[in-house]
N, C-alpha and C. Protein backbone atom coordinates (compact mmCIF):
# COMPACT_ATOMS: atom_id res chain seq x y z
N UNK A 1 129.89 90.15 103.33
CA UNK A 1 129.44 88.93 102.69
C UNK A 1 128.05 89.19 102.11
N UNK A 2 127.82 88.79 100.88
CA UNK A 2 126.52 89.01 100.26
C UNK A 2 125.55 87.92 100.68
N UNK A 3 124.28 88.14 100.42
CA UNK A 3 123.26 87.17 100.78
C UNK A 3 123.45 85.86 100.03
N UNK A 4 123.86 85.94 98.77
CA UNK A 4 124.05 84.73 97.96
C UNK A 4 125.21 83.89 98.49
N UNK A 5 126.31 84.52 98.85
CA UNK A 5 127.45 83.75 99.36
C UNK A 5 127.16 83.21 100.76
N UNK A 6 126.40 83.95 101.55
CA UNK A 6 126.01 83.47 102.87
C UNK A 6 125.13 82.24 102.79
N UNK A 7 124.20 82.25 101.84
CA UNK A 7 123.32 81.10 101.65
C UNK A 7 124.12 79.90 101.15
N UNK A 8 125.10 80.15 100.29
CA UNK A 8 125.92 79.05 99.77
C UNK A 8 126.75 78.42 100.88
N UNK A 9 127.28 79.23 101.80
CA UNK A 9 128.09 78.67 102.87
C UNK A 9 127.22 77.88 103.85
N UNK A 10 126.00 78.34 104.10
CA UNK A 10 125.09 77.58 104.96
C UNK A 10 124.72 76.25 104.31
N UNK A 11 124.47 76.27 103.02
CA UNK A 11 124.14 75.04 102.31
C UNK A 11 125.32 74.08 102.33
N UNK A 12 126.53 74.60 102.22
CA UNK A 12 127.73 73.78 102.28
C UNK A 12 127.89 73.11 103.63
N UNK A 13 127.58 73.83 104.68
CA UNK A 13 127.67 73.24 106.02
C UNK A 13 126.62 72.16 106.20
N UNK A 14 125.42 72.39 105.73
CA UNK A 14 124.38 71.38 105.86
C UNK A 14 124.73 70.13 105.07
N UNK A 15 125.31 70.29 103.91
CA UNK A 15 125.69 69.14 103.10
C UNK A 15 126.78 68.34 103.82
N UNK A 16 127.70 69.01 104.48
CA UNK A 16 128.76 68.33 105.22
C UNK A 16 128.22 67.54 106.40
N UNK A 17 127.18 68.05 107.03
CA UNK A 17 126.58 67.36 108.16
C UNK A 17 125.91 66.07 107.72
N UNK A 18 125.40 66.02 106.51
CA UNK A 18 124.71 64.83 106.02
C UNK A 18 125.67 63.69 105.69
N UNK A 19 126.97 63.96 105.68
CA UNK A 19 127.94 62.92 105.37
C UNK A 19 128.09 61.93 106.51
N UNK A 20 127.76 62.33 107.72
CA UNK A 20 127.86 61.43 108.86
C UNK A 20 126.65 60.50 108.87
N UNK A 21 126.92 59.20 108.85
CA UNK A 21 125.86 58.21 108.86
C UNK A 21 126.04 57.35 110.10
N UNK A 22 125.01 57.24 110.88
CA UNK A 22 125.07 56.41 112.07
C UNK A 22 124.93 54.95 111.66
N UNK A 23 125.37 54.04 112.52
CA UNK A 23 125.38 52.62 112.16
C UNK A 23 123.99 52.09 111.79
N UNK A 24 122.93 52.40 112.54
CA UNK A 24 121.61 51.88 112.15
C UNK A 24 121.17 52.34 110.75
N UNK A 25 121.52 53.57 110.38
CA UNK A 25 121.19 54.06 109.04
C UNK A 25 121.99 53.31 107.98
N UNK A 26 123.27 53.05 108.27
CA UNK A 26 124.14 52.30 107.35
C UNK A 26 123.61 50.88 107.17
N UNK A 27 123.23 50.27 108.29
CA UNK A 27 122.70 48.91 108.25
C UNK A 27 121.40 48.86 107.43
N UNK A 28 120.53 49.83 107.64
CA UNK A 28 119.28 49.90 106.89
C UNK A 28 119.54 50.08 105.39
N UNK A 29 120.54 50.88 105.06
CA UNK A 29 120.88 51.08 103.65
C UNK A 29 121.39 49.79 103.01
N UNK A 30 122.22 49.04 103.73
CA UNK A 30 122.71 47.76 103.19
C UNK A 30 121.56 46.77 102.98
N UNK A 31 120.62 46.74 103.91
CA UNK A 31 119.47 45.85 103.78
C UNK A 31 118.61 46.27 102.59
N UNK A 32 118.42 47.56 102.41
CA UNK A 32 117.64 48.05 101.27
C UNK A 32 118.31 47.68 99.95
N UNK A 33 119.64 47.79 99.89
CA UNK A 33 120.36 47.40 98.68
C UNK A 33 120.23 45.91 98.44
N UNK A 34 120.33 45.12 99.51
CA UNK A 34 120.18 43.66 99.38
C UNK A 34 118.79 43.31 98.84
N UNK A 35 117.77 44.00 99.32
CA UNK A 35 116.41 43.74 98.83
C UNK A 35 116.26 44.15 97.38
N UNK A 36 116.96 45.17 96.97
CA UNK A 36 116.91 45.61 95.57
C UNK A 36 117.64 44.62 94.66
N UNK A 37 118.82 44.17 95.10
CA UNK A 37 119.62 43.26 94.28
C UNK A 37 118.96 41.88 94.17
N UNK A 38 118.33 41.42 95.24
CA UNK A 38 117.66 40.11 95.27
C UNK A 38 116.19 40.36 95.61
N UNK A 39 115.43 40.69 94.59
CA UNK A 39 114.06 41.18 94.79
C UNK A 39 113.00 40.08 94.85
N UNK A 40 113.39 38.84 94.93
CA UNK A 40 112.43 37.73 94.98
C UNK A 40 111.64 37.78 96.30
N UNK A 41 110.33 38.02 96.26
CA UNK A 41 109.56 38.15 97.50
C UNK A 41 109.34 36.82 98.22
N UNK A 42 109.66 35.72 97.56
CA UNK A 42 109.47 34.40 98.17
C UNK A 42 110.69 33.94 98.97
N UNK A 43 111.76 34.71 98.94
CA UNK A 43 112.94 34.42 99.74
C UNK A 43 112.91 35.35 100.95
N UNK A 44 113.21 34.80 102.11
CA UNK A 44 113.15 35.61 103.33
C UNK A 44 114.16 36.75 103.30
N UNK A 45 113.86 37.78 104.06
CA UNK A 45 114.75 38.94 104.15
C UNK A 45 116.13 38.52 104.64
N UNK A 46 116.15 37.66 105.64
CA UNK A 46 117.42 37.18 106.19
C UNK A 46 118.26 36.48 105.13
N UNK A 47 117.63 35.65 104.31
CA UNK A 47 118.35 34.94 103.26
C UNK A 47 118.88 35.89 102.20
N UNK A 48 118.09 36.89 101.84
CA UNK A 48 118.54 37.86 100.84
C UNK A 48 119.73 38.67 101.34
N UNK A 49 119.69 39.06 102.62
CA UNK A 49 120.80 39.84 103.18
C UNK A 49 122.06 38.97 103.27
N UNK A 50 121.92 37.72 103.71
CA UNK A 50 123.07 36.81 103.78
C UNK A 50 123.67 36.58 102.39
N UNK A 51 122.81 36.41 101.39
CA UNK A 51 123.29 36.21 100.02
C UNK A 51 124.01 37.47 99.53
N UNK A 52 123.47 38.63 99.83
CA UNK A 52 124.10 39.89 99.44
C UNK A 52 125.50 40.00 100.04
N UNK A 53 125.63 39.69 101.32
CA UNK A 53 126.94 39.76 101.96
C UNK A 53 127.91 38.74 101.37
N UNK A 54 127.43 37.54 101.09
CA UNK A 54 128.34 36.52 100.56
C UNK A 54 128.76 36.83 99.13
N UNK A 55 127.89 37.47 98.34
CA UNK A 55 128.23 37.76 96.95
C UNK A 55 129.02 39.06 96.82
N UNK A 56 128.60 40.11 97.50
CA UNK A 56 129.18 41.43 97.29
C UNK A 56 130.16 41.89 98.37
N UNK A 57 130.03 41.37 99.57
CA UNK A 57 130.92 41.78 100.66
C UNK A 57 131.57 40.51 101.20
N UNK A 58 132.77 40.29 100.78
CA UNK A 58 133.47 39.06 101.16
C UNK A 58 134.49 39.36 102.24
N UNK A 59 134.70 38.37 103.09
CA UNK A 59 135.72 38.50 104.13
C UNK A 59 137.09 38.32 103.49
N UNK A 60 138.00 39.18 103.86
CA UNK A 60 139.36 39.08 103.33
C UNK A 60 140.11 37.97 104.04
N UNK A 61 140.81 37.17 103.26
CA UNK A 61 141.64 36.11 103.84
C UNK A 61 143.09 36.56 103.71
N UNK A 62 143.73 36.68 104.85
CA UNK A 62 145.12 37.16 104.85
C UNK A 62 146.08 36.05 105.12
């Protein structure tokens, strides 16, 4: 195995490890997206997150 292919396989493994996201990281990402989509600083964080969920993530009715 050459040095270049060895480095590529190590990089591939590291990239695969980054695909696992723990729940707190996922939750933080959703909150960050909610703050970006509803950037009004005069609305509370809780209200922005609730609005984000109601607009973009809806409960399925079966």
